[in-house]
PDB file of N, CA and C in Angstrom:
ATOM      1  N   MET A   1     -15.316 -10.994   1.551  1.00  0.00           N
ATOM      2  CA  MET A   1     -14.067 -10.050   1.788  1.00  0.00           C
ATOM      3  C   MET A   1     -13.953  -9.758   2.286  1.00  0.00           C
ATOM      4  N   ALA A   2     -12.444  -9.627   3.193  1.00  0.00           N
ATOM      5  CA  ALA A   2     -12.328  -8.632   4.155  1.00  0.00           C
ATOM      6  C   ALA A   2     -11.605  -7.547   3.518  1.00  0.00           C
ATOM      7  N   LYS A   3     -11.518  -6.357   3.973  1.00  0.00           N
ATOM      8  CA  LYS A   3     -11.037  -5.641   3.464  1.00  0.00           C
ATOM      9  C   LYS A   3      -9.633  -4.981   4.438  1.00  0.00           C
ATOM     10  N   ILE A   4      -8.794  -4.345   3.532  1.00  0.00           N
ATOM     11  CA  ILE A   4      -7.690  -3.700   4.425  1.00  0.00           C
ATOM     12  C   ILE A   4      -7.488  -2.687   4.167  1.00  0.00           C
ATOM     13  N   LYS A   5      -7.044  -1.539   4.886  1.00  0.00           N
ATOM     14  CA  LYS A   5      -7.145   0.059   5.204  1.00  0.00           C
ATOM     15  C   LYS A   5      -5.582  -0.050   5.041  1.00  0.00           C
ATOM     16  N   ILE A   6      -4.778   0.587   3.765  1.00  0.00           N
ATOM     17  CA  ILE A   6      -3.549   0.724   3.398  1.00  0.00           C
ATOM     18  C   ILE A   6      -3.290   1.930   3.636  1.00  0.00           C
ATOM     19  N   THR A   7      -1.963   2.695   4.410  1.00  0.00           N
ATOM     20  CA  THR A   7      -1.384   3.845   5.071  1.00  0.00           C
ATOM     21  C   THR A   7      -0.144   4.178   4.154  1.00  0.00           C
ATOM     22  N   GLN A   8       0.239   5.133   3.616  1.00  0.00           N
ATOM     23  CA  GLN A   8       1.810   5.055   3.666  1.00  0.00           C
ATOM     24  C   GLN A   8       2.604   5.638   4.486  1.00  0.00           C
ATOM     25  N   ILE A   9       3.277   5.664   5.201  1.00  0.00           N
ATOM     26  CA  ILE A   9       3.623   6.334   6.792  1.00  0.00           C
ATOM     27  C   ILE A   9       4.881   6.389   6.255  1.00  0.00           C
ATOM     28  N   ARG A  10       6.021   5.829   5.394  1.00  0.00           N
ATOM     29  CA  ARG A  10       7.259   6.307   4.940  1.00  0.00           C
ATOM     30  C   ARG A  10       7.132   6.845   3.262  1.00  0.00           C
ATOM     31  N   SER A  11       8.447   7.799   2.855  1.00  0.00           N
ATOM     32  CA  SER A  11       8.698   8.490   1.507  1.00  0.00           C
ATOM     33  C   SER A  11       9.041   7.663   0.619  1.00  0.00           C
ATOM     34  N   LYS A  12       8.243   7.185  -0.821  1.00  0.00           N
ATOM     35  CA  LYS A  12       9.062   6.861  -1.391  1.00  0.00           C
ATOM     36  C   LYS A  12       9.975   7.137  -2.856  1.00  0.00           C
ATOM     37  N   ASN A  13      10.723   8.367  -1.831  1.00  0.00           N
ATOM     38  CA  ASN A  13      12.085   9.155  -2.190  1.00  0.00           C
ATOM     39  C   ASN A  13      13.097   7.650  -2.365  1.00  0.00           C
ATOM     40  N   ARG A  14      13.822   7.858  -3.488  1.00  0.00           N
ATOM     41  CA  ARG A  14      15.148   7.234  -3.171  1.00  0.00           C
ATOM     42  C   ARG A  14      14.791   5.521  -2.877  1.00  0.00           C
ATOM     43  N   LYS A  15      13.758   5.355  -3.247  1.00  0.00           N
ATOM     44  CA  LYS A  15      13.013   3.948  -3.528  1.00  0.00           C
ATOM     45  C   LYS A  15      13.248   3.269  -4.920  1.00  0.00           C
ATOM     46  N   PRO A  16      13.347   2.156  -5.116  1.00  0.00           N
ATOM     47  CA  PRO A  16      13.210   1.169  -6.588  1.00  0.00           C
ATOM     48  C   PRO A  16      11.649   2.012  -7.398  1.00  0.00           C
ATOM     49  N   GLU A  17      12.191   2.259  -8.626  1.00  0.00           N
ATOM     50  CA  GLU A  17      11.287   2.341  -9.266  1.00  0.00           C
ATOM     51  C   GLU A  17      10.026   1.727  -9.003  1.00  0.00           C
ATOM     52  N   ARG A  18      10.487   0.223  -8.909  1.00  0.00           N
ATOM     53  CA  ARG A  18       8.939  -0.974  -9.148  1.00  0.00           C
ATOM     54  C   ARG A  18       8.138  -0.547  -7.645  1.00  0.00           C
ATOM     55  N   HIS A  19       8.439   0.231  -6.439  1.00  0.00           N
ATOM     56  CA  HIS A  19       8.164   0.106  -5.479  1.00  0.00           C
ATOM     57  C   HIS A  19       7.253   1.433  -5.534  1.00  0.00           C
ATOM     58  N   LYS A  20       7.512   2.359  -6.554  1.00  0.00           N
ATOM     59  CA  LYS A  20       6.865   3.689  -6.776  1.00  0.00           C
ATOM     60  C   LYS A  20       5.487   2.959  -7.913  1.00  0.00           C
ATOM     61  N   ARG A  21       6.109   2.029  -8.014  1.00  0.00           N
ATOM     62  CA  ARG A  21       4.822   1.959  -9.475  1.00  0.00           C
ATOM     63  C   ARG A  21       3.522   1.408  -8.541  1.00  0.00           C
ATOM     64  N   ILE A  22       4.239   0.224  -7.429  1.00  0.00           N
ATOM     65  CA  ILE A  22       3.012  -0.341  -6.353  1.00  0.00           C
ATOM     66  C   ILE A  22       2.558   0.804  -5.628  1.00  0.00           C
ATOM     67  N   LEU A  23       3.020   1.805  -5.501  1.00  0.00           N
ATOM     68  CA  LEU A  23       2.080   2.701  -4.512  1.00  0.00           C
ATOM     69  C   LEU A  23       1.023   3.049  -5.631  1.00  0.00           C
ATOM     70  N   ALA A  24       1.506   3.507  -6.417  1.00  0.00           N
ATOM     71  CA  ALA A  24       0.442   4.353  -7.549  1.00  0.00           C
ATOM     72  C   ALA A  24      -1.045   3.418  -7.927  1.00  0.00           C
ATOM     73  N   ALA A  25       0.010   1.816  -8.173  1.00  0.00           N
ATOM     74  CA  ALA A  25      -1.152   0.980  -8.707  1.00  0.00           C
ATOM     75  C   ALA A  25      -2.575   0.773  -7.187  1.00  0.00           C
ATOM     76  N   LEU A  26      -1.933   1.140  -6.140  1.00  0.00           N
ATOM     77  CA  LEU A  26      -2.951   0.848  -5.194  1.00  0.00           C
ATOM     78  C   LEU A  26      -3.574   2.132  -4.862  1.00  0.00           C
ATOM     79  N   GLY A  27      -3.370   3.384  -5.579  1.00  0.00           N
ATOM     80  CA  GLY A  27      -3.640   4.532  -5.592  1.00  0.00           C
ATOM     81  C   GLY A  27      -3.574   5.091  -4.737  1.00  0.00           C
ATOM     82  N   ILE A  28      -2.237   5.209  -3.865  1.00  0.00           N
ATOM     83  CA  ILE A  28      -1.620   5.887  -3.005  1.00  0.00           C
ATOM     84  C   ILE A  28      -0.825   6.968  -3.647  1.00  0.00           C
ATOM     85  N   HIS A  29      -0.752   8.324  -3.434  1.00  0.00           N
ATOM     86  CA  HIS A  29       0.202   9.200  -4.034  1.00  0.00           C
ATOM     87  C   HIS A  29       0.594  10.305  -3.009  1.00  0.00           C
ATOM     88  N   ARG A  30       0.004  10.210  -1.837  1.00  0.00           N
ATOM     89  CA  ARG A  30       0.827  11.508  -0.701  1.00  0.00           C
ATOM     90  C   ARG A  30       1.140  10.685   0.304  1.00  0.00           C
ATOM     91  N   LEU A  31       2.242  10.805   0.831  1.00  0.00           N
ATOM     92  CA  LEU A  31       2.761  10.706   2.306  1.00  0.00           C
ATOM     93  C   LEU A  31       0.983  10.443   3.223  1.00  0.00           C
ATOM     94  N   HIS A  32       0.974   9.485   4.431  1.00  0.00           N
ATOM     95  CA  HIS A  32      -0.144   9.542   4.701  1.00  0.00           C
ATOM     96  C   HIS A  32      -1.954   9.602   4.389  1.00  0.00           C
ATOM     97  N   GLN A  33      -1.228   9.498   3.415  1.00  0.00           N
ATOM     98  CA  GLN A  33      -3.168   8.892   2.312  1.00  0.00           C
ATOM     99  C   GLN A  33      -3.586   7.549   2.992  1.00  0.00           C
ATOM    100  N   SER A  34      -4.736   7.379   3.092  1.00  0.00           N
ATOM    101  CA  SER A  34      -5.056   5.952   3.320  1.00  0.00           C
ATOM    102  C   SER A  34      -6.216   5.083   2.105  1.00  0.00           C
ATOM    103  N   VAL A  35      -6.081   4.107   1.922  1.00  0.00           N
ATOM    104  CA  VAL A  35      -6.815   3.772   0.842  1.00  0.00           C
ATOM    105  C   VAL A  35      -7.440   2.349   1.372  1.00  0.00           C
ATOM    106  N   VAL A  36      -8.429   1.844   1.070  1.00  0.00           N
ATOM    107  CA  VAL A  36      -9.428   0.688   1.479  1.00  0.00           C
ATOM    108  C   VAL A  36      -9.401  -0.019   0.504  1.00  0.00           C
ATOM    109  N   HIS A  37      -9.039  -1.209   0.494  1.00  0.00           N
ATOM    110  CA  HIS A  37      -9.034  -2.311  -0.906  1.00  0.00           C
ATOM    111  C   HIS A  37      -9.487  -3.727  -0.232  1.00  0.00           C
ATOM    112  N   GLU A  38     -10.161  -4.618  -1.191  1.00  0.00           N
ATOM    113  CA  GLU A  38     -10.226  -5.689  -1.169  1.00  0.00           C
ATOM    114  C   GLU A  38      -9.107  -6.760  -0.343  1.00  0.00           C
ATOM    115  N   ALA A  39      -9.194  -7.864   0.285  1.00  0.00           N
ATOM    116  CA  ALA A  39      -7.698  -8.616   0.546  1.00  0.00           C
ATOM    117  C   ALA A  39      -7.679  -9.594  -0.451  1.00  0.00           C
ATOM    118  N   THR A  40      -7.619  -9.284  -1.334  1.00  0.00           N
ATOM    119  CA  THR A  40      -7.302 -10.226  -2.689  1.00  0.00           C
ATOM    120  C   THR A  40      -5.740 -10.922  -2.464  1.00  0.00           C
ATOM    121  N   PRO A  41      -5.719 -11.791  -3.423  1.00  0.00           N
ATOM    122  CA  PRO A  41      -4.409 -12.003  -3.124  1.00  0.00           C
ATOM    123  C   PRO A  41      -2.955 -11.257  -3.605  1.00  0.00           C
ATOM    124  N   GLN A  42      -3.765 -10.564  -4.831  1.00  0.00           N
ATOM    125  CA  GLN A  42      -3.071  -9.765  -5.736  1.00  0.00           C
ATOM    126  C   GLN A  42      -2.663  -8.630  -4.364  1.00  0.00           C
ATOM    127  N   ILE A  43      -3.933  -8.112  -4.178  1.00  0.00           N
ATOM    128  CA  ILE A  43      -3.358  -6.526  -3.260  1.00  0.00           C
ATOM    129  C   ILE A  43      -2.566  -7.176  -1.979  1.00  0.00           C
ATOM    130  N   LEU A  44      -2.557  -8.239  -1.634  1.00  0.00           N
ATOM    131  CA  LEU A  44      -1.720  -8.783  -0.436  1.00  0.00           C
ATOM    132  C   LEU A  44      -0.657  -8.936  -1.168  1.00  0.00           C
ATOM    133  N   GLY A  45      -0.229  -9.348  -2.022  1.00  0.00           N
ATOM    134  CA  GLY A  45       1.271  -9.681  -2.555  1.00  0.00           C
ATOM    135  C   GLY A  45       1.767  -8.082  -2.759  1.00  0.00           C
ATOM    136  N   MET A  46       1.206  -6.985  -3.308  1.00  0.00           N
ATOM    137  CA  MET A  46       1.832  -5.588  -3.568  1.00  0.00           C
ATOM    138  C   MET A  46       1.940  -5.225  -2.348  1.00  0.00           C
ATOM    139  N   VAL A  47       1.115  -5.263  -0.984  1.00  0.00           N
ATOM    140  CA  VAL A  47       1.443  -4.728   0.121  1.00  0.00           C
ATOM    141  C   VAL A  47       2.871  -5.685   0.736  1.00  0.00           C
ATOM    142  N   GLU A  48       2.765  -6.573   0.714  1.00  0.00           N
ATOM    143  CA  GLU A  48       4.257  -7.521   1.182  1.00  0.00           C
ATOM    144  C   GLU A  48       5.565  -6.534   0.618  1.00  0.00           C
ATOM    145  N   LYS A  49       5.143  -6.264  -1.013  1.00  0.00           N
ATOM    146  CA  LYS A  49       6.592  -6.026  -1.248  1.00  0.00           C
ATOM    147  C   LYS A  49       7.185  -4.550  -0.840  1.00  0.00           C
ATOM    148  N   ILE A  50       5.701  -3.767  -0.247  1.00  0.00           N
ATOM    149  CA  ILE A  50       6.231  -2.501   0.160  1.00  0.00           C
ATOM    150  C   ILE A  50       5.737  -2.381   1.350  1.00  0.00           C
ATOM    151  N   LYS A  51       6.059  -3.502   2.565  1.00  0.00           N
ATOM    152  CA  LYS A  51       5.713  -3.846   3.617  1.00  0.00           C
ATOM    153  C   LYS A  51       6.582  -2.407   4.449  1.00  0.00           C
ATOM    154  N   HIS A  52       7.468  -2.028   4.096  1.00  0.00           N
ATOM    155  CA  HIS A  52       8.249  -1.342   4.682  1.00  0.00           C
ATOM    156  C   HIS A  52       8.142  -0.298   4.832  1.00  0.00           C
ATOM    157  N   LEU A  53       7.116   0.568   3.832  1.00  0.00           N
ATOM    158  CA  LEU A  53       6.378   1.743   3.289  1.00  0.00           C
ATOM    159  C   LEU A  53       4.876   2.127   3.678  1.00  0.00           C
ATOM    160  N   VAL A  54       4.422   1.436   4.458  1.00  0.00           N
ATOM    161  CA  VAL A  54       2.944   0.836   4.706  1.00  0.00           C
ATOM    162  C   VAL A  54       2.732   0.415   6.022  1.00  0.00           C
ATOM    163  N   LYS A  55       1.754   1.172   6.652  1.00  0.00           N
ATOM    164  CA  LYS A  55       1.175   0.039   7.672  1.00  0.00           C
ATOM    165  C   LYS A  55      -0.391  -0.355   6.852  1.00  0.00           C
ATOM    166  N   THR A  56      -0.802  -1.719   7.259  1.00  0.00           N
ATOM    167  CA  THR A  56      -1.904  -1.624   7.170  1.00  0.00           C
ATOM    168  C   THR A  56      -2.661  -2.471   8.330  1.00  0.00           C
ATOM    169  N   GLU A  57      -4.317  -2.664   7.718  1.00  0.00           N
ATOM    170  CA  GLU A  57      -5.108  -2.307   9.391  1.00  0.00           C
ATOM    171  C   GLU A  57      -6.317  -2.991   8.828  1.00  0.00           C
ATOM    172  N   GLU A  58      -7.408  -4.209   9.113  1.00  0.00           N
ATOM    173  CA  GLU A  58      -8.223  -4.754   8.965  1.00  0.00           C
ATOM    174  C   GLU A  58      -9.765  -3.968   9.182  1.00  0.00           C
ATOM    175  N   VAL A  59     -10.261  -4.001   8.546  1.00  0.00           N
ATOM    176  CA  VAL A  59     -11.168  -2.461   8.090  1.00  0.00           C
ATOM    177  C   VAL A  59     -12.887  -3.422   7.924  1.00  0.00           C
ATOM    178  N   GLU A  60     -13.770  -3.361   8.633  1.00  0.00           N
ATOM    179  CA  GLU A  60     -15.002  -3.820   8.389  1.00  0.00           C
ATOM    180  C   GLU A  60     -16.420  -3.299   8.647  1.00  0.00           C
TER     181      GLU A  60
END
């Protein structure tokens, strides 16, 4: 399965609690921090909810 790299590019301050929890569930704790995850439907759904806060790119 493909992998995606998720990088936080915008602050989570003044955002809904739900968005903050999604970032934490993805393992992102700081601005400009990157994590790599499998591109499962669950991960892609989480990324879709916070697409205005993160940048994604395919990794292989």
